[in-house]
C-alpha atoms as a PDB file:
ATOM      1  CA  MET A   1     103.991  92.182 113.516  1.00  0.00           C
ATOM      2  CA  ALA A   2     106.341  89.702 115.593  1.00  0.00           C
ATOM      3  CA  VAL A   3     109.177  88.262 113.587  1.00  0.00           C
ATOM      4  CA  ALA A   4     111.546  85.454 114.545  1.00  0.00           C
ATOM      5  CA  SER A   5     113.717  82.750 113.704  1.00  0.00           C
ATOM      6  CA  LEU A   6     112.801  79.612 114.064  1.00  0.00           C
ATOM      7  CA  ARG A   7     115.474  76.449 112.789  1.00  0.00           C
ATOM      8  CA  GLY A   8     116.791  78.756 110.678  1.00  0.00           C
ATOM      9  CA  LEU A   9     113.468  79.871 109.318  1.00  0.00           C
ATOM     10  CA  ALA A  10     111.374  82.985 109.206  1.00  0.00           C
ATOM     11  CA  VAL A  11     108.495  83.400 111.316  1.00  0.00           C
ATOM     12  CA  ALA A  12     106.356  86.542 111.088  1.00  0.00           C
ATOM     13  CA  ILE A  13     103.042  86.924 113.008  1.00  0.00           C
ATOM     14  CA  LEU A  14     100.096  88.828 112.456  1.00  0.00           C
ATOM     15  CA  ASP A  15      96.985  89.315 113.206  1.00  0.00           C
ATOM     16  CA  GLY A  16      97.654  85.886 115.027  1.00  0.00           C
ATOM     17  CA  LYS A  17      98.299  84.640 112.193  1.00  0.00           C
ATOM     18  CA  ARG A  18     101.672  82.772 111.182  1.00  0.00           C
ATOM     19  CA  TYR A  19     103.717  82.585 108.271  1.00  0.00           C
ATOM     20  CA  VAL A  20     106.505  80.754 107.524  1.00  0.00           C
ATOM     21  CA  ASP A  21     110.122  80.859 105.390  1.00  0.00           C
ATOM     22  CA  ARG A  22     108.114  82.427 102.077  1.00  0.00           C
ATOM     23  CA  MET A  23     105.322  84.459 102.407  1.00  0.00           C
ATOM     24  CA  THR A  24     102.684  85.305  99.255  1.00  0.00           C
ATOM     25  CA  ILE A  25     102.267  88.627  97.952  1.00  0.00           C
ATOM     26  CA  GLU A  26      99.010  89.193  99.462  1.00  0.00           C
ATOM     27  CA  ALA A  27     100.156  88.328 102.663  1.00  0.00           C
ATOM     28  CA  LEU A  28     103.406  90.496 102.514  1.00  0.00           C
ATOM     29  CA  LYS A  29     101.167  93.611 101.441  1.00  0.00           C
ATOM     30  CA  ALA A  30      99.032  92.656 104.643  1.00  0.00           C
ATOM     31  CA  ALA A  31     101.914  92.851 106.688  1.00  0.00           C
ATOM     32  CA  ILE A  32     102.820  96.292 105.255  1.00  0.00           C
ATOM     33  CA  ALA A  33      99.534  97.410 105.083  1.00  0.00           C
ATOM     34  CA  HIS A  34      99.966  97.057 109.016  1.00  0.00           C
ATOM     35  CA  LEU A  35     103.394  99.178 109.305  1.00  0.00           C
ATOM     36  CA  PRO A  36     102.840 102.595 111.165  1.00  0.00           C
ATOM     37  CA  SER A  37     103.206 105.105 108.160  1.00  0.00           C
ATOM     38  CA  GLU A  38     106.870 105.982 109.092  1.00  0.00           C
ATOM     39  CA  ASP A  39     108.145 102.750 108.833  1.00  0.00           C
ATOM     40  CA  ARG A  40     106.458 101.902 105.628  1.00  0.00           C
ATOM     41  CA  THR A  41     107.672 104.788 103.995  1.00  0.00           C
ATOM     42  CA  ALA A  42     110.943 103.090 105.237  1.00  0.00           C
ATOM     43  CA  LEU A  43     110.706 100.443 104.057  1.00  0.00           C
ATOM     44  CA  ALA A  44     108.892 102.306 100.555  1.00  0.00           C
ATOM     45  CA  ALA A  45     112.866 103.777 100.132  1.00  0.00           C
ATOM     46  CA  TRP A  46     114.386 100.870 100.681  1.00  0.00           C
ATOM     47  CA  ILE A  47     112.502  98.733  97.952  1.00  0.00           C
ATOM     48  CA  ILE A  48     113.526 101.472  95.940  1.00  0.00           C
ATOM     49  CA  GLU A  49     117.499 101.347  96.740  1.00  0.00           C
ATOM     50  CA  GLN A  50     117.571  97.638  95.968  1.00  0.00           C
ATOM     51  CA  ASP A  51     115.306  98.721  92.350  1.00  0.00           C
ATOM     52  CA  MET A  52     118.095 101.020  91.286  1.00  0.00           C
ATOM     53  CA  LYS A  53     121.205  98.311  92.289  1.00  0.00           C
ATOM     54  CA  SER A  54     119.759  95.778  90.896  1.00  0.00           C
ATOM     55  CA  TRP A  55     119.593  98.108  87.876  1.00  0.00           C
ATOM     56  CA  ASP A  56     122.664  99.315  87.951  1.00  0.00           C
ATOM     57  CA  GLU A  57     124.209  95.477  88.593  1.00  0.00           C
ATOM     58  CA  GLN A  58     122.178  94.517  85.343  1.00  0.00           C
ATOM     59  CA  ILE A  59     123.485  97.634  83.181  1.00  0.00           C
ATOM     60  CA  GLU A  60     127.066  96.612  83.978  1.00  0.00           C
ATOM     61  CA  LYS A  61     126.043  93.294  83.709  1.00  0.00           C
ATOM     62  CA  ASP A  62     125.354  93.851  79.693  1.00  0.00           C
ATOM     63  CA  PHE A  63     127.515  96.561  78.805  1.00  0.00           C
ATOM     64  CA  SER A  64     130.684  94.439  80.134  1.00  0.00           C
ATOM     65  CA  PRO A  65     132.956  92.252  77.843  1.00  0.00           C
ATOM     66  CA  GLY A  66     130.830  89.051  76.874  1.00  0.00           C
ATOM     67  CA  GLY A  67     127.780  91.298  78.293  1.00  0.00           C
ATOM     68  CA  LYS A  68     124.471  91.366  75.073  1.00  0.00           C
ATOM     69  CA  GLY A  69     124.808  94.725  75.410  1.00  0.00           C
ATOM     70  CA  MET A  70     128.427  94.421  73.126  1.00  0.00           C
ATOM     71  CA  ALA A  71     126.930  93.098  70.291  1.00  0.00           C
ATOM     72  CA  MET A  72     124.538  96.122  70.436  1.00  0.00           C
ATOM     73  CA  LEU A  73     127.466  98.577  71.705  1.00  0.00           C
ATOM     74  CA  ASP A  74     129.512  97.255  68.915  1.00  0.00           C
ATOM     75  CA  GLU A  75     127.193  97.778  66.062  1.00  0.00           C
ATOM     76  CA  VAL A  76     126.329 101.428  66.636  1.00  0.00           C
ATOM     77  CA  LYS A  77     130.173 102.085  67.238  1.00  0.00           C
ATOM     78  CA  ALA A  78     130.143 100.635  63.389  1.00  0.00           C
ATOM     79  CA  ASP A  79     127.334 102.750  62.674  1.00  0.00           C
ATOM     80  CA  ILE A  80     129.375 105.751  63.936  1.00  0.00           C
ATOM     81  CA  ARG A  81     132.636 104.298  61.661  1.00  0.00           C
ATOM     82  CA  THR A  82     130.749 104.206  58.045  1.00  0.00           C
ATOM     83  CA  GLY A  83     129.091 107.564  59.136  1.00  0.00           C
ATOM     84  CA  LYS A  84     125.225 106.521  58.914  1.00  0.00           C
ATOM     85  CA  PHE A  85     124.678 107.954  62.513  1.00  0.00           C
ATOM     86  CA  LYS A  86     125.721 111.878  63.152  1.00  0.00           C
ATOM     87  CA  PRO A  87     127.095 113.019  66.276  1.00  0.00           C
ATOM     88  CA  PHE A  88     123.995 114.525  68.062  1.00  0.00           C
ATOM     89  CA  GLU A  89     125.706 118.477  67.712  1.00  0.00           C
ATOM     90  CA  GLU A  90     126.360 118.125  63.873  1.00  0.00           C
ATOM     91  CA  GLY A  91     122.727 116.282  63.398  1.00  0.00           C
ATOM     92  CA  ARG A  92     120.730 118.890  65.376  1.00  0.00           C
ATOM     93  CA  ARG A  93     118.952 121.406  63.516  1.00  0.00           C
ATOM     94  CA  SER A  94     119.457 125.530  64.621  1.00  0.00           C
END
């Protein structure tokens, strides 16, 4: 697969087919299928890393002041203060 930049557009050529700018999922799958095993493994690791970064960013956003998780966190804190929930060690059966 050859990849080049043409006037700011990404161009990929695979098996004589040219893909410009955004490739479809099917085209990406086909391109990935032609990669050597080591490259597929490196790509998979990179995708997992990107997914973990996105997850971390979303959690940070949700539980920052004004985030959509803050209301839930405030409810849980209120429930703990009113005795509705016990700390894990206290609620555990021996």
